[in-house]
């Protein structure tokens, strides 16, 4: 069903906007790469990108994909990429703890490259195929599951609370 995965596409835009903020933060001359803003970004990636967004995909979308022989393998590829994303944002956290601006910059850039390629693959190829394969009933079921996962992972403050925490952690310009 066309449009069923639009909520995931919107979340992709939010994730990419945060990644761009991270890239700007590590490129600033005065940045030591260890500030509270980057830690807040890692927490955002953990809660919003991984627990919420990837939770929707892994707990609702991928099981639906596995029921279709043409889509089943794609679900496994994306699951592997989610694991790589988790490893990469953990590397950012580790680099911050090590207080090395160069290591933080490299880790942020590695994560940014990975997540951009992953999102491009989902948005431009996989989601289109999935939407064409889904019926109306399956699309409605996914929408309900997405809402349930979001309520469980983000709570009442939702995305706005996480983005506000990023803004609070950002040093004044």
N, C-alpha and C. Protein backbone atom coordinates (compact mmCIF):
# COMPACT_ATOMS: atom_id res chain seq x y z
N UNK A 1 0.85 -1.18 0.00
CA UNK A 1 0.00 0.00 0.00
C UNK A 1 0.90 1.24 0.00
N UNK A 2 0.75 2.09 -1.00
CA UNK A 2 1.58 3.28 -1.15
C UNK A 2 1.36 4.22 0.03
N UNK A 3 2.46 4.77 0.56
CA UNK A 3 2.39 5.72 1.66
C UNK A 3 2.44 5.10 3.04
N UNK A 4 2.34 3.79 3.13
CA UNK A 4 2.33 3.12 4.43
C UNK A 4 3.59 3.42 5.23
N UNK A 5 4.71 3.55 4.54
CA UNK A 5 5.99 3.73 5.23
C UNK A 5 6.42 5.20 5.32
N UNK A 6 5.52 6.11 5.00
CA UNK A 6 5.84 7.53 5.10
C UNK A 6 6.28 7.95 6.51
N UNK A 7 5.69 7.39 7.59
CA UNK A 7 6.19 7.76 8.92
C UNK A 7 7.68 7.40 9.10
N UNK A 8 8.11 6.30 8.52
CA UNK A 8 9.53 5.92 8.62
C UNK A 8 10.39 6.87 7.79
N UNK A 9 9.89 7.30 6.65
CA UNK A 9 10.63 8.26 5.82
C UNK A 9 10.80 9.59 6.56
N UNK A 10 9.75 10.02 7.24
CA UNK A 10 9.84 11.26 8.02
C UNK A 10 10.88 11.12 9.13
N UNK A 11 10.90 9.97 9.78
CA UNK A 11 11.91 9.75 10.81
C UNK A 11 13.31 9.76 10.21
N UNK A 12 13.46 9.27 9.01
CA UNK A 12 14.76 9.34 8.33
C UNK A 12 15.22 10.79 8.21
N UNK A 13 14.31 11.68 7.85
CA UNK A 13 14.67 13.09 7.71
C UNK A 13 15.15 13.66 9.04
N UNK A 14 14.50 13.28 10.13
CA UNK A 14 14.90 13.76 11.46
C UNK A 14 16.28 13.22 11.82
N UNK A 15 16.50 11.94 11.57
CA UNK A 15 17.80 11.33 11.87
C UNK A 15 18.90 12.03 11.08
N UNK A 16 18.67 12.26 9.79
CA UNK A 16 19.68 12.91 8.96
C UNK A 16 19.95 14.34 9.43
N UNK A 17 18.93 15.04 9.89
CA UNK A 17 19.13 16.40 10.41
C UNK A 17 20.02 16.38 11.65
N UNK A 18 19.83 15.40 12.52
CA UNK A 18 20.67 15.30 13.72
C UNK A 18 22.10 14.92 13.33
N UNK A 19 22.25 14.02 12.38
CA UNK A 19 23.59 13.64 11.92
C UNK A 19 24.31 14.86 11.34
N UNK A 20 23.60 15.69 10.59
CA UNK A 20 24.22 16.91 10.06
C UNK A 20 24.67 17.83 11.18
N UNK A 21 23.87 17.93 12.23
CA UNK A 21 24.26 18.75 13.39
C UNK A 21 25.52 18.19 14.04
N UNK A 22 25.62 16.87 14.10
CA UNK A 22 26.81 16.24 14.67
C UNK A 22 28.04 16.56 13.81
N UNK A 23 27.88 16.47 12.51
CA UNK A 23 29.00 16.77 11.62
C UNK A 23 29.45 18.22 11.77
N UNK A 24 28.50 19.13 11.87
CA UNK A 24 28.86 20.54 12.07
C UNK A 24 29.58 20.72 13.40
N UNK A 25 29.10 20.02 14.43
CA UNK A 25 29.71 20.16 15.76
C UNK A 25 31.17 19.72 15.76
N UNK A 26 31.48 18.62 15.08
CA UNK A 26 32.87 18.15 15.10
C UNK A 26 33.75 18.93 14.14
N UNK A 27 33.13 19.69 13.23
CA UNK A 27 33.94 20.48 12.28
C UNK A 27 34.25 21.87 12.79
N UNK A 28 33.62 22.27 13.90
CA UNK A 28 33.87 23.60 14.44
C UNK A 28 35.27 23.66 15.04
N UNK A 29 36.01 24.72 14.73
CA UNK A 29 37.40 24.81 15.20
C UNK A 29 37.55 24.71 16.71
N UNK A 30 36.59 25.25 17.46
CA UNK A 30 36.70 25.24 18.92
C UNK A 30 36.23 23.93 19.54
N UNK A 31 35.75 22.99 18.72
CA UNK A 31 35.22 21.73 19.25
C UNK A 31 36.35 20.82 19.69
N UNK A 32 36.19 20.28 20.90
CA UNK A 32 37.14 19.27 21.34
C UNK A 32 36.57 17.87 21.14
N UNK A 33 35.35 17.80 20.61
CA UNK A 33 34.73 16.51 20.31
C UNK A 33 34.24 15.74 21.51
N UNK A 34 34.22 16.35 22.68
CA UNK A 34 33.85 15.60 23.88
C UNK A 34 32.68 16.21 24.63
N UNK A 35 32.04 17.18 24.06
CA UNK A 35 31.03 17.94 24.78
C UNK A 35 29.73 17.21 25.01
N UNK A 36 28.90 17.82 25.86
CA UNK A 36 27.60 17.23 26.18
C UNK A 36 26.68 17.15 24.96
N UNK A 37 26.86 18.03 23.97
CA UNK A 37 25.99 17.99 22.80
C UNK A 37 26.16 16.66 22.05
N UNK A 38 27.39 16.22 21.84
CA UNK A 38 27.59 14.96 21.12
C UNK A 38 27.09 13.78 21.94
N UNK A 39 27.23 13.84 23.25
CA UNK A 39 26.65 12.78 24.08
C UNK A 39 25.13 12.77 23.97
N UNK A 40 24.52 13.95 23.92
CA UNK A 40 23.08 14.03 23.73
C UNK A 40 22.68 13.47 22.36
N UNK A 41 23.52 13.70 21.36
CA UNK A 41 23.26 13.15 20.03
C UNK A 41 23.30 11.62 20.06
N UNK A 42 24.28 11.07 20.75
CA UNK A 42 24.36 9.60 20.85
C UNK A 42 23.12 9.06 21.56
N UNK A 43 22.68 9.74 22.60
CA UNK A 43 21.46 9.32 23.30
C UNK A 43 20.26 9.42 22.36
N UNK A 44 20.21 10.46 21.56
CA UNK A 44 19.13 10.60 20.57
C UNK A 44 19.18 9.42 19.59
N UNK A 45 20.36 9.10 19.09
CA UNK A 45 20.48 7.97 18.15
C UNK A 45 20.02 6.67 18.80
N UNK A 46 20.40 6.48 20.05
CA UNK A 46 20.01 5.26 20.77
C UNK A 46 18.49 5.19 20.92
N UNK A 47 17.90 6.27 21.39
CA UNK A 47 16.45 6.24 21.69
C UNK A 47 15.59 6.40 20.44
N UNK A 48 15.87 7.41 19.64
CA UNK A 48 15.00 7.69 18.50
C UNK A 48 15.31 6.79 17.30
N UNK A 49 16.58 6.79 16.88
CA UNK A 49 16.93 6.04 15.67
C UNK A 49 16.90 4.54 15.92
N UNK A 50 17.42 4.09 17.04
CA UNK A 50 17.53 2.65 17.26
C UNK A 50 16.28 2.07 17.93
N UNK A 51 16.00 2.50 19.16
CA UNK A 51 14.88 1.89 19.88
C UNK A 51 13.54 2.15 19.19
N UNK A 52 13.31 3.38 18.76
CA UNK A 52 12.04 3.74 18.14
C UNK A 52 12.00 3.34 16.66
N UNK A 53 12.83 3.97 15.85
CA UNK A 53 12.76 3.76 14.40
C UNK A 53 13.12 2.32 14.01
N UNK A 54 14.28 1.87 14.44
CA UNK A 54 14.66 0.49 14.11
C UNK A 54 13.74 -0.50 14.82
N UNK A 55 13.22 -0.12 15.98
CA UNK A 55 12.24 -0.97 16.66
C UNK A 55 11.01 -1.19 15.80
N UNK A 56 10.52 -0.13 15.17
CA UNK A 56 9.37 -0.26 14.27
C UNK A 56 9.69 -1.21 13.11
N UNK A 57 10.87 -1.04 12.57
CA UNK A 57 11.25 -1.88 11.44
C UNK A 57 11.45 -3.34 11.89
N UNK A 58 12.17 -3.55 12.96
CA UNK A 58 12.51 -4.91 13.37
C UNK A 58 11.33 -5.65 13.99
N UNK A 59 10.45 -4.94 14.68
CA UNK A 59 9.33 -5.60 15.36
C UNK A 59 8.06 -5.66 14.52
N UNK A 60 7.95 -4.82 13.49
CA UNK A 60 6.72 -4.79 12.69
C UNK A 60 6.99 -4.98 11.20
N UNK A 61 7.84 -4.14 10.63
CA UNK A 61 8.05 -4.18 9.18
C UNK A 61 8.77 -5.44 8.72
N UNK A 62 9.88 -5.78 9.36
CA UNK A 62 10.66 -6.94 8.89
C UNK A 62 9.87 -8.24 8.97
N UNK A 63 9.10 -8.48 10.05
CA UNK A 63 8.27 -9.70 10.04
C UNK A 63 7.30 -9.73 8.86
N UNK A 64 6.73 -8.57 8.51
CA UNK A 64 5.84 -8.53 7.34
C UNK A 64 6.61 -8.81 6.06
N UNK A 65 7.83 -8.30 5.97
CA UNK A 65 8.66 -8.55 4.79
C UNK A 65 9.02 -10.03 4.67
N UNK A 66 9.27 -10.67 5.80
CA UNK A 66 9.67 -12.08 5.78
C UNK A 66 8.55 -12.99 5.27
N UNK A 67 7.32 -12.51 5.30
CA UNK A 67 6.19 -13.29 4.80
C UNK A 67 6.11 -13.27 3.27
N UNK A 68 6.92 -12.44 2.63
CA UNK A 68 6.94 -12.33 1.18
C UNK A 68 8.30 -12.82 0.70
N UNK A 69 8.32 -13.86 -0.11
CA UNK A 69 9.59 -14.47 -0.51
C UNK A 69 10.51 -13.49 -1.25
N UNK A 70 9.95 -12.51 -1.95
CA UNK A 70 10.78 -11.52 -2.67
C UNK A 70 11.39 -10.49 -1.73
N UNK A 71 10.85 -10.34 -0.54
CA UNK A 71 11.31 -9.30 0.39
C UNK A 71 12.07 -9.85 1.59
N UNK A 72 11.99 -11.14 1.82
CA UNK A 72 12.56 -11.74 3.04
C UNK A 72 14.05 -11.48 3.17
N UNK A 73 14.79 -11.68 2.10
CA UNK A 73 16.24 -11.47 2.17
C UNK A 73 16.60 -10.01 2.44
N UNK A 74 15.78 -9.10 1.92
CA UNK A 74 16.03 -7.68 2.15
C UNK A 74 15.91 -7.33 3.63
N UNK A 75 14.97 -7.96 4.31
CA UNK A 75 14.83 -7.72 5.75
C UNK A 75 16.11 -8.11 6.49
N UNK A 76 16.72 -9.21 6.08
CA UNK A 76 17.95 -9.66 6.75
C UNK A 76 19.11 -8.71 6.48
N UNK A 77 19.18 -8.20 5.26
CA UNK A 77 20.24 -7.22 4.92
C UNK A 77 20.09 -5.98 5.79
N UNK A 78 18.87 -5.48 5.90
CA UNK A 78 18.64 -4.28 6.70
C UNK A 78 18.93 -4.53 8.18
N UNK A 79 18.59 -5.71 8.66
CA UNK A 79 18.87 -6.05 10.05
C UNK A 79 20.38 -6.03 10.32
N UNK A 80 21.15 -6.56 9.39
CA UNK A 80 22.62 -6.51 9.54
C UNK A 80 23.11 -5.07 9.56
N UNK A 81 22.53 -4.23 8.72
CA UNK A 81 22.93 -2.82 8.69
C UNK A 81 22.56 -2.12 10.00
N UNK A 82 21.44 -2.49 10.60
CA UNK A 82 21.09 -1.92 11.90
C UNK A 82 22.17 -2.27 12.94
N UNK A 83 22.64 -3.49 12.90
CA UNK A 83 23.70 -3.91 13.81
C UNK A 83 24.97 -3.09 13.60
N UNK A 84 25.29 -2.83 12.35
CA UNK A 84 26.47 -2.01 12.05
C UNK A 84 26.27 -0.58 12.55
N UNK A 85 25.08 -0.04 12.41
CA UNK A 85 24.79 1.30 12.93
C UNK A 85 24.96 1.36 14.44
N UNK A 86 24.51 0.32 15.13
CA UNK A 86 24.67 0.27 16.59
C UNK A 86 26.15 0.26 16.97
N UNK A 87 26.92 -0.51 16.24
CA UNK A 87 28.35 -0.58 16.50
C UNK A 87 29.00 0.79 16.28
N UNK A 88 28.58 1.48 15.22
CA UNK A 88 29.19 2.77 14.89
C UNK A 88 28.82 3.87 15.89
N UNK A 89 27.54 3.90 16.36
CA UNK A 89 27.26 4.95 17.34
C UNK A 89 27.90 4.61 18.69
N UNK A 90 28.14 3.34 18.97
CA UNK A 90 28.89 2.97 20.17
C UNK A 90 30.34 3.44 20.05
N UNK A 91 30.87 3.43 18.83
CA UNK A 91 32.24 3.93 18.60
C UNK A 91 32.31 5.43 18.87
N UNK A 92 31.25 6.16 18.53
CA UNK A 92 31.23 7.60 18.83
C UNK A 92 31.30 7.79 20.34
N UNK A 93 30.48 7.05 21.05
CA UNK A 93 30.45 7.15 22.51
C UNK A 93 31.81 6.80 23.11
N UNK A 94 32.43 5.76 22.59
CA UNK A 94 33.75 5.34 23.08
C UNK A 94 34.80 6.42 22.80
N UNK A 95 34.74 7.02 21.63
CA UNK A 95 35.70 8.08 21.28
C UNK A 95 35.51 9.30 22.17
N UNK A 96 34.25 9.63 22.47
CA UNK A 96 33.99 10.76 23.38
C UNK A 96 34.59 10.47 24.75
N UNK A 97 34.39 9.25 25.24
CA UNK A 97 34.94 8.87 26.55
C UNK A 97 36.46 8.94 26.55
N UNK A 98 37.07 8.64 25.39
CA UNK A 98 38.52 8.70 25.28
C UNK A 98 39.06 10.11 25.10
N UNK A 99 38.17 11.08 24.95
CA UNK A 99 38.51 12.50 24.86
C UNK A 99 39.47 12.82 23.73
N UNK A 100 39.31 12.12 22.61
CA UNK A 100 40.13 12.39 21.43
C UNK A 100 39.25 13.01 20.35
N UNK A 101 39.47 14.29 20.09
CA UNK A 101 38.67 15.00 19.08
C UNK A 101 38.81 14.33 17.71
N UNK A 102 40.01 13.88 17.37
CA UNK A 102 40.21 13.24 16.07
C UNK A 102 39.42 11.93 15.97
N UNK A 103 39.43 11.15 17.04
CA UNK A 103 38.69 9.88 17.04
C UNK A 103 37.18 10.14 16.99
N UNK A 104 36.73 11.17 17.69
CA UNK A 104 35.30 11.51 17.67
C UNK A 104 34.90 11.92 16.26
N UNK A 105 35.69 12.77 15.65
CA UNK A 105 35.39 13.23 14.29
C UNK A 105 35.30 12.05 13.33
N UNK A 106 36.28 11.17 13.40
CA UNK A 106 36.28 10.00 12.52
C UNK A 106 35.05 9.11 12.77
N UNK A 107 34.71 8.89 14.02
CA UNK A 107 33.56 8.05 14.37
C UNK A 107 32.26 8.68 13.88
N UNK A 108 32.12 10.00 14.04
CA UNK A 108 30.91 10.68 13.57
C UNK A 108 30.81 10.58 12.05
N UNK A 109 31.90 10.80 11.37
CA UNK A 109 31.88 10.74 9.90
C UNK A 109 31.60 9.32 9.40
N UNK A 110 32.14 8.32 10.08
CA UNK A 110 31.85 6.92 9.71
C UNK A 110 30.37 6.61 9.89
N UNK A 111 29.81 7.04 11.02
CA UNK A 111 28.38 6.81 11.26
C UNK A 111 27.55 7.54 10.21
N UNK A 112 27.91 8.78 9.92
CA UNK A 112 27.15 9.59 8.95
C UNK A 112 27.14 8.91 7.58
N UNK A 113 28.29 8.42 7.14
CA UNK A 113 28.36 7.72 5.85
C UNK A 113 27.46 6.49 5.86
N UNK A 114 27.54 5.73 6.93
CA UNK A 114 26.75 4.50 7.03
C UNK A 114 25.26 4.80 7.01
N UNK A 115 24.82 5.73 7.84
CA UNK A 115 23.38 5.96 7.97
C UNK A 115 22.81 6.59 6.71
N UNK A 116 23.58 7.43 6.03
CA UNK A 116 23.09 8.00 4.77
C UNK A 116 22.88 6.91 3.71
N UNK A 117 23.83 6.00 3.60
CA UNK A 117 23.70 4.91 2.62
C UNK A 117 22.53 4.00 2.99
N UNK A 118 22.38 3.71 4.27
CA UNK A 118 21.30 2.85 4.74
C UNK A 118 19.93 3.48 4.44
N UNK A 119 19.80 4.74 4.76
CA UNK A 119 18.53 5.43 4.54
C UNK A 119 18.24 5.54 3.05
N UNK A 120 19.23 5.84 2.25
CA UNK A 120 19.04 5.92 0.81
C UNK A 120 18.54 4.59 0.26
N UNK A 121 19.12 3.50 0.73
CA UNK A 121 18.70 2.16 0.29
C UNK A 121 17.25 1.91 0.67
N UNK A 122 16.89 2.23 1.91
CA UNK A 122 15.52 2.01 2.36
C UNK A 122 14.54 2.88 1.57
N UNK A 123 14.81 4.19 1.52
CA UNK A 123 13.87 5.12 0.90
C UNK A 123 13.71 4.91 -0.60
N UNK A 124 14.80 4.70 -1.29
CA UNK A 124 14.76 4.69 -2.76
C UNK A 124 14.50 3.31 -3.36
N UNK A 125 14.77 2.26 -2.60
CA UNK A 125 14.61 0.93 -3.18
C UNK A 125 13.66 0.05 -2.38
N UNK A 126 14.00 -0.20 -1.14
CA UNK A 126 13.29 -1.22 -0.38
C UNK A 126 11.88 -0.79 0.00
N UNK A 127 11.71 0.41 0.52
CA UNK A 127 10.38 0.84 0.94
C UNK A 127 9.40 0.85 -0.22
N UNK A 128 9.86 1.24 -1.40
CA UNK A 128 8.99 1.26 -2.57
C UNK A 128 8.51 -0.15 -2.89
N UNK A 129 9.41 -1.11 -2.86
CA UNK A 129 9.04 -2.51 -3.12
C UNK A 129 8.06 -3.03 -2.07
N UNK A 130 8.33 -2.70 -0.82
CA UNK A 130 7.46 -3.16 0.26
C UNK A 130 6.06 -2.58 0.11
N UNK A 131 5.98 -1.28 -0.16
CA UNK A 131 4.67 -0.65 -0.28
C UNK A 131 3.85 -1.24 -1.44
N UNK A 132 4.52 -1.60 -2.51
CA UNK A 132 3.80 -2.21 -3.62
C UNK A 132 3.32 -3.62 -3.27
N UNK A 133 4.01 -4.27 -2.37
CA UNK A 133 3.65 -5.65 -2.01
C UNK A 133 2.58 -5.73 -0.92
N UNK A 134 2.44 -4.66 -0.12
CA UNK A 134 1.51 -4.69 1.01
C UNK A 134 0.07 -4.42 0.57
N UNK A 135 -0.84 -5.10 1.21
CA UNK A 135 -2.25 -4.81 1.02
C UNK A 135 -2.70 -3.78 2.05
N UNK A 136 -3.93 -3.32 1.90
CA UNK A 136 -4.47 -2.30 2.80
C UNK A 136 -4.53 -2.79 4.24
N UNK A 137 -4.92 -4.05 4.44
CA UNK A 137 -5.02 -4.59 5.80
C UNK A 137 -3.65 -4.64 6.47
N UNK A 138 -2.65 -5.06 5.72
CA UNK A 138 -1.29 -5.13 6.28
C UNK A 138 -0.76 -3.74 6.57
N UNK A 139 -1.05 -2.79 5.70
CA UNK A 139 -0.65 -1.40 5.93
C UNK A 139 -1.27 -0.83 7.19
N UNK A 140 -2.55 -1.11 7.42
CA UNK A 140 -3.23 -0.65 8.63
C UNK A 140 -2.64 -1.31 9.87
N UNK A 141 -2.32 -2.59 9.77
CA UNK A 141 -1.71 -3.30 10.91
C UNK A 141 -0.35 -2.70 11.24
N UNK A 142 0.45 -2.40 10.20
CA UNK A 142 1.76 -1.80 10.44
C UNK A 142 1.62 -0.43 11.11
N UNK A 143 0.66 0.36 10.67
CA UNK A 143 0.45 1.68 11.28
C UNK A 143 0.16 1.55 12.77
N UNK A 144 -0.66 0.58 13.13
CA UNK A 144 -0.96 0.34 14.56
C UNK A 144 0.29 -0.10 15.32
N UNK A 145 1.06 -0.98 14.71
CA UNK A 145 2.29 -1.47 15.36
C UNK A 145 3.31 -0.34 15.51
N UNK A 146 3.44 0.50 14.49
CA UNK A 146 4.36 1.63 14.57
C UNK A 146 3.98 2.54 15.75
N UNK A 147 2.69 2.82 15.89
CA UNK A 147 2.22 3.68 16.98
C UNK A 147 2.52 3.05 18.34
N UNK A 148 2.33 1.74 18.44
CA UNK A 148 2.59 1.04 19.70
C UNK A 148 4.07 1.10 20.06
N UNK A 149 4.94 0.82 19.09
CA UNK A 149 6.38 0.86 19.34
C UNK A 149 6.81 2.26 19.75
N UNK A 150 6.30 3.27 19.07
CA UNK A 150 6.68 4.65 19.39
C UNK A 150 6.25 5.02 20.81
N UNK A 151 5.05 4.63 21.19
CA UNK A 151 4.58 4.93 22.55
C UNK A 151 5.45 4.23 23.59
N UNK A 152 5.86 3.01 23.32
CA UNK A 152 6.70 2.25 24.26
C UNK A 152 8.11 2.84 24.36
N UNK A 153 8.67 3.28 23.24
CA UNK A 153 10.07 3.68 23.24
C UNK A 153 10.30 5.15 23.54
N UNK A 154 9.38 6.00 23.13
CA UNK A 154 9.59 7.44 23.31
C UNK A 154 8.78 8.03 24.44
N UNK A 155 7.71 7.38 24.82
CA UNK A 155 6.89 7.88 25.92
C UNK A 155 6.12 9.14 25.54
N UNK A 156 5.56 9.80 26.56
CA UNK A 156 4.65 10.92 26.30
C UNK A 156 5.31 12.14 25.66
N UNK A 157 6.58 12.38 25.91
CA UNK A 157 7.25 13.55 25.32
C UNK A 157 7.58 13.37 23.85
N UNK A 158 7.69 12.13 23.44
CA UNK A 158 7.95 11.81 22.05
C UNK A 158 9.21 12.43 21.48
N UNK A 159 9.19 12.60 20.19
CA UNK A 159 10.33 13.14 19.46
C UNK A 159 10.69 14.54 19.93
N UNK A 160 9.68 15.34 20.22
CA UNK A 160 9.93 16.71 20.65
C UNK A 160 10.80 16.81 21.88
N UNK A 161 10.60 15.93 22.84
CA UNK A 161 11.40 15.94 24.06
C UNK A 161 12.86 15.61 23.76
N UNK A 162 13.08 14.66 22.86
CA UNK A 162 14.46 14.30 22.51
C UNK A 162 15.16 15.44 21.78
N UNK A 163 14.45 16.08 20.86
CA UNK A 163 15.05 17.19 20.12
C UNK A 163 15.30 18.38 21.05
N UNK A 164 14.42 18.60 22.02
CA UNK A 164 14.62 19.68 22.99
C UNK A 164 15.88 19.42 23.83
N UNK A 165 16.11 18.15 24.17
CA UNK A 165 17.32 17.80 24.94
C UNK A 165 18.58 18.12 24.13
N UNK A 166 18.52 17.89 22.83
CA UNK A 166 19.67 18.25 21.97
C UNK A 166 19.90 19.75 21.99
N UNK A 167 18.83 20.51 21.87
CA UNK A 167 18.96 21.97 21.86
C UNK A 167 19.51 22.48 23.18
N UNK A 168 19.09 21.88 24.29
CA UNK A 168 19.59 22.30 25.60
C UNK A 168 21.07 21.99 25.77
N UNK A 169 21.52 20.91 25.15
CA UNK A 169 22.92 20.48 25.29
C UNK A 169 23.85 21.26 24.36
N UNK A 170 23.29 21.91 23.36
CA UNK A 170 24.10 22.64 22.38
C UNK A 170 24.70 23.88 23.01
N UNK A 171 26.02 24.03 22.93
CA UNK A 171 26.65 25.24 23.50
C UNK A 171 26.22 26.49 22.73
N UNK A 172 26.18 27.63 23.40
CA UNK A 172 25.83 28.88 22.71
C UNK A 172 26.84 29.19 21.62
N UNK A 173 26.35 29.74 20.54
CA UNK A 173 27.24 30.09 19.41
C UNK A 173 27.93 31.42 19.65
